[in-house]
């Protein structure tokens, strides 16, 4: 007589014991079940929680989309956290940009003031030269 083997449905997680693989069909999903890599005796020695953990691990490994669905809330949380961090960085950069723009405006005003002073000094030098020129001719 053949020994019992443990089969599980990778869609719903239902598991059962069968002797022949042809009998291993999920009664819920009506699809072929997958043979577990553990003996019947080892599986029955596990408690219910360990069995569930073992089967869930197999289901996740068999279905990457299932893993994506399970981890989606965690990824969403990380996305929210990332958005919060980026928003804070944007606020800090906007503050820095404002400070830099104020510095540029101050420098711009100072440069124009210095240019006006320089122009005024040039104009004064020119006038002084004009005043000094007739006196030198005498």
N, C-alpha and C. Protein backbone atom coordinates (compact mmCIF):
# COMPACT_ATOMS: atom_id res chain seq x y z
N UNK A 1 0.83 -1.18 0.00
CA UNK A 1 0.00 0.00 0.00
C UNK A 1 0.88 1.25 0.00
N UNK A 2 0.44 2.26 -0.76
CA UNK A 2 1.20 3.51 -0.86
C UNK A 2 1.03 4.34 0.40
N UNK A 3 2.08 5.08 0.69
CA UNK A 3 2.04 5.98 1.84
C UNK A 3 1.29 7.26 1.48
N UNK A 4 0.67 7.88 2.46
CA UNK A 4 -0.02 9.14 2.23
C UNK A 4 0.98 10.26 1.98
N UNK A 5 0.61 11.15 1.10
CA UNK A 5 1.42 12.35 0.83
C UNK A 5 0.56 13.57 1.10
N UNK A 6 1.22 14.68 1.37
CA UNK A 6 0.51 15.92 1.69
C UNK A 6 0.50 16.80 0.44
N UNK A 7 -0.70 17.25 0.06
CA UNK A 7 -0.88 18.13 -1.09
C UNK A 7 -1.58 19.40 -0.61
N UNK A 8 -1.29 20.52 -1.32
CA UNK A 8 -1.98 21.77 -0.97
C UNK A 8 -2.37 22.51 -2.24
N UNK A 9 -3.38 23.34 -2.09
CA UNK A 9 -3.84 24.17 -3.20
C UNK A 9 -3.11 25.51 -3.10
N UNK A 10 -2.38 25.87 -4.15
CA UNK A 10 -1.62 27.12 -4.09
C UNK A 10 -2.50 28.36 -4.29
N UNK A 11 -3.78 28.13 -4.57
CA UNK A 11 -4.71 29.25 -4.75
C UNK A 11 -5.40 29.60 -3.43
N UNK A 12 -5.91 28.61 -2.72
CA UNK A 12 -6.69 28.89 -1.50
C UNK A 12 -6.01 28.41 -0.22
N UNK A 13 -4.98 27.56 -0.32
CA UNK A 13 -4.28 27.08 0.86
C UNK A 13 -4.83 25.80 1.47
N UNK A 14 -5.90 25.27 0.90
CA UNK A 14 -6.48 24.01 1.40
C UNK A 14 -5.44 22.90 1.26
N UNK A 15 -5.33 22.04 2.28
CA UNK A 15 -4.42 20.91 2.16
C UNK A 15 -5.15 19.62 2.53
N UNK A 16 -4.62 18.52 1.99
CA UNK A 16 -5.22 17.22 2.25
C UNK A 16 -4.18 16.13 2.03
N UNK A 17 -4.52 14.91 2.43
CA UNK A 17 -3.61 13.77 2.31
C UNK A 17 -4.17 12.82 1.27
N UNK A 18 -3.31 12.43 0.33
CA UNK A 18 -3.73 11.50 -0.73
C UNK A 18 -2.63 10.48 -0.95
N UNK A 19 -3.05 9.33 -1.44
CA UNK A 19 -2.09 8.30 -1.82
C UNK A 19 -1.67 8.49 -3.28
N UNK A 20 -2.62 8.85 -4.13
CA UNK A 20 -2.34 8.99 -5.56
C UNK A 20 -2.44 10.46 -5.99
N UNK A 21 -1.49 10.93 -6.78
CA UNK A 21 -1.51 12.33 -7.24
C UNK A 21 -2.76 12.68 -8.03
N UNK A 22 -3.33 11.71 -8.75
CA UNK A 22 -4.51 12.00 -9.57
C UNK A 22 -5.72 12.38 -8.72
N UNK A 23 -5.73 11.97 -7.45
CA UNK A 23 -6.83 12.30 -6.54
C UNK A 23 -6.66 13.68 -5.90
N UNK A 24 -5.47 14.25 -6.02
CA UNK A 24 -5.16 15.52 -5.35
C UNK A 24 -5.73 16.69 -6.13
N UNK A 25 -7.03 16.92 -5.98
CA UNK A 25 -7.73 18.03 -6.62
C UNK A 25 -8.44 18.80 -5.52
N UNK A 26 -8.24 20.11 -5.50
CA UNK A 26 -8.86 20.95 -4.46
C UNK A 26 -10.37 20.92 -4.62
N UNK A 27 -11.09 20.59 -3.55
CA UNK A 27 -12.55 20.52 -3.64
C UNK A 27 -13.17 21.93 -3.68
N UNK A 28 -12.39 22.97 -3.32
CA UNK A 28 -12.90 24.35 -3.37
C UNK A 28 -12.65 24.99 -4.73
N UNK A 29 -11.42 24.86 -5.20
CA UNK A 29 -11.01 25.56 -6.44
C UNK A 29 -11.09 24.67 -7.68
N UNK A 30 -11.21 23.39 -7.48
CA UNK A 30 -11.29 22.41 -8.58
C UNK A 30 -10.03 22.41 -9.45
N UNK A 31 -8.88 22.69 -8.83
CA UNK A 31 -7.62 22.64 -9.58
C UNK A 31 -6.69 21.62 -8.92
N UNK A 32 -5.71 21.17 -9.69
CA UNK A 32 -4.76 20.18 -9.16
C UNK A 32 -3.97 20.78 -8.01
N UNK A 33 -3.75 19.94 -7.00
CA UNK A 33 -3.01 20.38 -5.83
C UNK A 33 -1.53 20.05 -6.01
N UNK A 34 -0.71 20.68 -5.23
CA UNK A 34 0.75 20.54 -5.34
C UNK A 34 1.25 19.70 -4.17
N UNK A 35 2.18 18.79 -4.49
CA UNK A 35 2.78 17.93 -3.48
C UNK A 35 3.73 18.74 -2.62
N UNK A 36 3.61 18.62 -1.29
CA UNK A 36 4.53 19.30 -0.39
C UNK A 36 5.80 18.48 -0.26
N UNK A 37 6.89 19.16 0.02
CA UNK A 37 8.19 18.49 0.11
C UNK A 37 8.45 17.97 1.52
N UNK A 38 7.42 17.61 2.22
CA UNK A 38 7.54 17.10 3.59
C UNK A 38 6.71 15.82 3.67
N UNK A 39 7.18 14.89 4.44
CA UNK A 39 6.43 13.62 4.54
C UNK A 39 5.16 13.83 5.36
N UNK A 40 4.25 12.88 5.16
CA UNK A 40 2.97 12.92 5.88
C UNK A 40 3.20 12.93 7.38
N UNK A 41 4.11 12.09 7.85
CA UNK A 41 4.38 11.98 9.29
C UNK A 41 4.95 13.29 9.84
N UNK A 42 5.92 13.87 9.13
CA UNK A 42 6.51 15.14 9.58
C UNK A 42 5.45 16.24 9.62
N UNK A 43 4.58 16.27 8.61
CA UNK A 43 3.55 17.29 8.54
C UNK A 43 2.55 17.16 9.68
N UNK A 44 2.15 15.93 9.98
CA UNK A 44 1.18 15.73 11.06
C UNK A 44 1.80 15.96 12.43
N UNK A 45 3.12 15.88 12.53
CA UNK A 45 3.79 16.19 13.80
C UNK A 45 3.81 17.70 14.08
N UNK A 46 3.60 18.52 13.05
CA UNK A 46 3.56 19.96 13.23
C UNK A 46 2.24 20.37 13.86
N UNK A 47 2.25 21.44 14.66
CA UNK A 47 0.98 21.94 15.18
C UNK A 47 0.28 22.74 14.06
N UNK A 48 -0.97 23.12 14.28
CA UNK A 48 -1.75 23.78 13.23
C UNK A 48 -1.11 25.09 12.77
N UNK A 49 -0.58 25.84 13.71
CA UNK A 49 0.04 27.13 13.35
C UNK A 49 1.27 26.91 12.48
N UNK A 50 2.09 25.91 12.82
CA UNK A 50 3.29 25.61 12.03
C UNK A 50 2.90 25.10 10.64
N UNK A 51 1.84 24.31 10.56
CA UNK A 51 1.35 23.83 9.26
C UNK A 51 0.94 25.01 8.39
N UNK A 52 0.15 25.93 8.99
CA UNK A 52 -0.32 27.11 8.24
C UNK A 52 0.86 27.96 7.77
N UNK A 53 1.81 28.18 8.66
CA UNK A 53 2.99 28.96 8.28
C UNK A 53 3.74 28.28 7.13
N UNK A 54 3.89 26.97 7.20
CA UNK A 54 4.60 26.20 6.16
C UNK A 54 3.88 26.34 4.82
N UNK A 55 2.56 26.18 4.83
CA UNK A 55 1.79 26.26 3.58
C UNK A 55 1.78 27.69 3.04
N UNK A 56 1.62 28.67 3.92
CA UNK A 56 1.63 30.07 3.46
C UNK A 56 2.98 30.40 2.82
N UNK A 57 4.05 29.93 3.41
CA UNK A 57 5.38 30.16 2.83
C UNK A 57 5.46 29.57 1.42
N UNK A 58 4.94 28.38 1.27
CA UNK A 58 4.93 27.73 -0.06
C UNK A 58 4.05 28.51 -1.04
N UNK A 59 2.91 28.99 -0.58
CA UNK A 59 2.00 29.75 -1.46
C UNK A 59 2.67 31.05 -1.93
N UNK A 60 3.33 31.74 -1.01
CA UNK A 60 3.99 32.99 -1.37
C UNK A 60 5.11 32.72 -2.36
N UNK A 61 5.87 31.65 -2.13
CA UNK A 61 6.97 31.31 -3.05
C UNK A 61 6.43 30.95 -4.43
N UNK A 62 5.26 30.32 -4.48
CA UNK A 62 4.69 29.89 -5.76
C UNK A 62 4.00 31.02 -6.51
N UNK A 63 3.60 32.06 -5.80
CA UNK A 63 2.85 33.13 -6.43
C UNK A 63 3.42 34.50 -6.05
N UNK A 64 4.30 35.06 -6.90
CA UNK A 64 4.86 36.37 -6.57
C UNK A 64 3.79 37.47 -6.51
N UNK A 65 2.68 37.28 -7.25
CA UNK A 65 1.63 38.30 -7.19
C UNK A 65 0.94 38.28 -5.83
N UNK A 66 0.86 37.11 -5.22
CA UNK A 66 0.30 37.01 -3.88
C UNK A 66 1.18 37.77 -2.90
N UNK A 67 2.49 37.59 -3.03
CA UNK A 67 3.42 38.32 -2.16
C UNK A 67 3.26 39.82 -2.35
N UNK A 68 3.05 40.25 -3.59
CA UNK A 68 2.84 41.68 -3.85
C UNK A 68 1.56 42.17 -3.19
N UNK A 69 0.50 41.37 -3.25
CA UNK A 69 -0.76 41.78 -2.63
C UNK A 69 -0.63 41.84 -1.12
N UNK A 70 0.10 40.88 -0.54
CA UNK A 70 0.26 40.85 0.91
C UNK A 70 1.10 42.03 1.38
N UNK A 71 2.15 42.36 0.65
CA UNK A 71 3.05 43.43 1.07
C UNK A 71 2.63 44.81 0.57
N UNK A 72 1.54 44.89 -0.19
CA UNK A 72 1.09 46.18 -0.73
C UNK A 72 0.80 47.21 0.36
N UNK A 73 0.10 46.87 1.46
CA UNK A 73 -0.12 47.89 2.49
C UNK A 73 1.18 48.42 3.08
N UNK A 74 2.15 47.54 3.28
CA UNK A 74 3.45 47.97 3.82
C UNK A 74 4.14 48.89 2.83
N UNK A 75 4.09 48.55 1.55
CA UNK A 75 4.70 49.41 0.53
C UNK A 75 3.99 50.75 0.48
N UNK A 76 2.66 50.73 0.63
CA UNK A 76 1.90 51.98 0.62
C UNK A 76 2.32 52.84 1.80
N UNK A 77 2.50 52.23 2.97
CA UNK A 77 2.96 52.98 4.14
C UNK A 77 4.31 53.61 3.85
N UNK A 78 5.22 52.83 3.25
CA UNK A 78 6.54 53.36 2.94
C UNK A 78 6.45 54.48 1.91
N UNK A 79 5.50 54.37 0.97
CA UNK A 79 5.33 55.43 -0.01
C UNK A 79 4.84 56.70 0.68
N UNK A 80 3.90 56.55 1.61
CA UNK A 80 3.42 57.73 2.36
C UNK A 80 4.56 58.34 3.16
N UNK A 81 5.34 57.48 3.78
CA UNK A 81 6.48 57.96 4.56
C UNK A 81 7.47 58.69 3.65
N UNK A 82 7.71 58.12 2.47
CA UNK A 82 8.61 58.74 1.51
C UNK A 82 8.07 60.09 1.04
N UNK A 83 6.78 60.15 0.76
CA UNK A 83 6.16 61.41 0.34
C UNK A 83 6.30 62.46 1.45
N UNK A 84 6.09 62.06 2.69
CA UNK A 84 6.25 62.98 3.82
C UNK A 84 7.67 63.50 3.92
N UNK A 85 8.64 62.61 3.77
CA UNK A 85 10.05 63.01 3.82
C UNK A 85 10.38 63.95 2.68
N UNK A 86 9.93 63.61 1.48
CA UNK A 86 10.21 64.47 0.32
C UNK A 86 9.53 65.83 0.45
N UNK A 87 8.31 65.85 0.99
CA UNK A 87 7.61 67.12 1.20
C UNK A 87 8.40 68.00 2.17
N UNK A 88 8.92 67.39 3.23
CA UNK A 88 9.73 68.15 4.19
C UNK A 88 10.99 68.68 3.53
N UNK A 89 11.64 67.89 2.71
CA UNK A 89 12.85 68.34 2.00
C UNK A 89 12.52 69.48 1.06
N UNK A 90 11.37 69.40 0.39
CA UNK A 90 10.96 70.47 -0.52
C UNK A 90 10.77 71.77 0.26
N UNK A 91 10.11 71.69 1.43
CA UNK A 91 9.91 72.89 2.25
C UNK A 91 11.25 73.49 2.67
N UNK A 92 12.19 72.65 3.08
CA UNK A 92 13.51 73.13 3.48
C UNK A 92 14.24 73.78 2.30
N UNK A 93 14.13 73.16 1.11
CA UNK A 93 14.79 73.72 -0.06
C UNK A 93 14.13 75.03 -0.49
N UNK A 94 12.81 75.13 -0.35
CA UNK A 94 12.14 76.39 -0.68
C UNK A 94 12.59 77.50 0.25
N UNK A 95 12.78 77.16 1.54
CA UNK A 95 13.28 78.14 2.51
C UNK A 95 14.70 78.58 2.12
N UNK A 96 15.52 77.62 1.73
CA UNK A 96 16.90 77.94 1.33
C UNK A 96 16.90 78.79 0.05
N UNK A 97 16.04 78.46 -0.89
CA UNK A 97 15.94 79.24 -2.14
C UNK A 97 15.52 80.68 -1.81
N UNK A 98 14.57 80.84 -0.90
CA UNK A 98 14.12 82.18 -0.52
C UNK A 98 15.29 82.97 0.07
N UNK A 99 16.05 82.34 0.96
CA UNK A 99 17.20 82.99 1.57
C UNK A 99 18.24 83.38 0.52
N UNK A 100 18.50 82.47 -0.43
CA UNK A 100 19.47 82.76 -1.49
C UNK A 100 18.98 83.89 -2.39
N UNK A 101 17.68 83.90 -2.70
CA UNK A 101 17.13 84.98 -3.53
C UNK A 101 17.25 86.33 -2.82
N UNK A 102 17.01 86.35 -1.50
CA UNK A 102 17.18 87.59 -0.74
C UNK A 102 18.63 88.05 -0.77
N UNK A 103 19.57 87.11 -0.68
CA UNK A 103 20.99 87.46 -0.75
C UNK A 103 21.33 88.03 -2.12
N UNK A 104 20.79 87.43 -3.17
CA UNK A 104 21.04 87.91 -4.53
C UNK A 104 20.47 89.32 -4.70
N UNK A 105 19.27 89.55 -4.20
CA UNK A 105 18.67 90.89 -4.30
C UNK A 105 19.52 91.92 -3.56
N UNK A 106 20.00 91.55 -2.36
CA UNK A 106 20.86 92.45 -1.60
C UNK A 106 22.15 92.76 -2.36
N UNK A 107 22.77 91.70 -2.91
CA UNK A 107 24.00 91.88 -3.68
C UNK A 107 23.74 92.73 -4.92
N UNK A 108 22.63 92.50 -5.59
CA UNK A 108 22.28 93.25 -6.79
C UNK A 108 22.13 94.73 -6.45
N UNK A 109 21.42 95.02 -5.36
CA UNK A 109 21.23 96.41 -4.94
C UNK A 109 22.57 97.05 -4.57
N UNK A 110 23.43 96.30 -3.87
CA UNK A 110 24.74 96.82 -3.47
C UNK A 110 25.60 97.11 -4.70
N UNK A 111 25.59 96.21 -5.66
CA UNK A 111 26.39 96.40 -6.87
C UNK A 111 25.92 97.65 -7.61
N UNK A 112 24.61 97.82 -7.77
CA UNK A 112 24.10 99.01 -8.47
C UNK A 112 24.43 100.28 -7.70
N UNK A 113 24.38 100.22 -6.39
CA UNK A 113 24.74 101.38 -5.56
C UNK A 113 26.22 101.72 -5.76
N UNK A 114 27.07 100.71 -5.76
CA UNK A 114 28.50 100.93 -5.98
C UNK A 114 28.77 101.47 -7.38
N UNK A 115 28.05 100.96 -8.39
CA UNK A 115 28.22 101.48 -9.75
C UNK A 115 27.80 102.94 -9.84
N UNK A 116 26.70 103.31 -9.15
CA UNK A 116 26.27 104.72 -9.14
C UNK A 116 27.32 105.60 -8.47
N UNK A 117 27.88 105.10 -7.36
CA UNK A 117 28.94 105.86 -6.68
C UNK A 117 30.15 106.03 -7.59
N UNK A 118 30.52 104.94 -8.27
CA UNK A 118 31.67 104.98 -9.18
C UNK A 118 31.40 105.97 -10.31
N UNK A 119 30.19 105.94 -10.86
CA UNK A 119 29.82 106.85 -11.94
C UNK A 119 29.84 108.30 -11.45
N UNK A 120 29.34 108.50 -10.22
CA UNK A 120 29.36 109.85 -9.64
C UNK A 120 30.79 110.32 -9.44
N UNK A 121 31.66 109.42 -8.98
CA UNK A 121 33.08 109.80 -8.80
C UNK A 121 33.73 110.11 -10.15
N UNK A 122 33.43 109.34 -11.18
CA UNK A 122 33.96 109.62 -12.51
C UNK A 122 33.50 110.99 -12.98
N UNK A 123 32.21 111.26 -12.75
CA UNK A 123 31.66 112.55 -13.14
C UNK A 123 32.34 113.68 -12.37
N UNK A 124 32.58 113.48 -11.10
CA UNK A 124 33.27 114.50 -10.29
C UNK A 124 34.70 114.70 -10.75
N UNK A 125 35.41 113.63 -11.07
CA UNK A 125 36.78 113.71 -11.59
C UNK A 125 36.78 114.47 -12.90
N UNK A 126 35.81 114.20 -13.77
CA UNK A 126 35.74 114.89 -15.05
C UNK A 126 35.53 116.39 -14.84
N UNK A 127 34.62 116.74 -13.93
CA UNK A 127 34.36 118.16 -13.65
C UNK A 127 35.60 118.84 -13.06
N UNK A 128 36.27 118.10 -12.16
CA UNK A 128 37.47 118.68 -11.56
C UNK A 128 38.56 118.90 -12.61
N UNK A 129 38.65 117.96 -13.55
CA UNK A 129 39.63 118.12 -14.63
C UNK A 129 39.28 119.33 -15.49
N UNK A 130 37.98 119.51 -15.75
CA UNK A 130 37.54 120.67 -16.53
C UNK A 130 37.85 121.98 -15.80
N UNK A 131 37.64 121.97 -14.49
CA UNK A 131 37.94 123.17 -13.71
C UNK A 131 39.44 123.43 -13.63
N UNK A 132 40.20 122.36 -13.55
CA UNK A 132 41.65 122.49 -13.44
C UNK A 132 42.27 122.83 -14.79
N UNK A 133 41.66 122.48 -15.87
CA UNK A 133 42.23 122.72 -17.21
C UNK A 133 42.34 124.23 -17.51
N UNK A 134 41.34 125.09 -17.29
CA UNK A 134 41.52 126.51 -17.55
C UNK A 134 42.58 127.14 -16.64
N UNK A 135 42.67 126.63 -15.42
CA UNK A 135 43.65 127.20 -14.51
C UNK A 135 45.06 126.85 -14.96
N UNK A 136 45.24 125.69 -15.57
CA UNK A 136 46.56 125.29 -16.03
C UNK A 136 46.95 126.07 -17.30
N UNK A 137 46.00 126.50 -18.06
CA UNK A 137 46.30 127.23 -19.29
C UNK A 137 46.80 128.64 -18.95
N UNK A 138 46.47 129.18 -17.82
CA UNK A 138 46.92 130.54 -17.44
C UNK A 138 48.30 130.52 -16.99
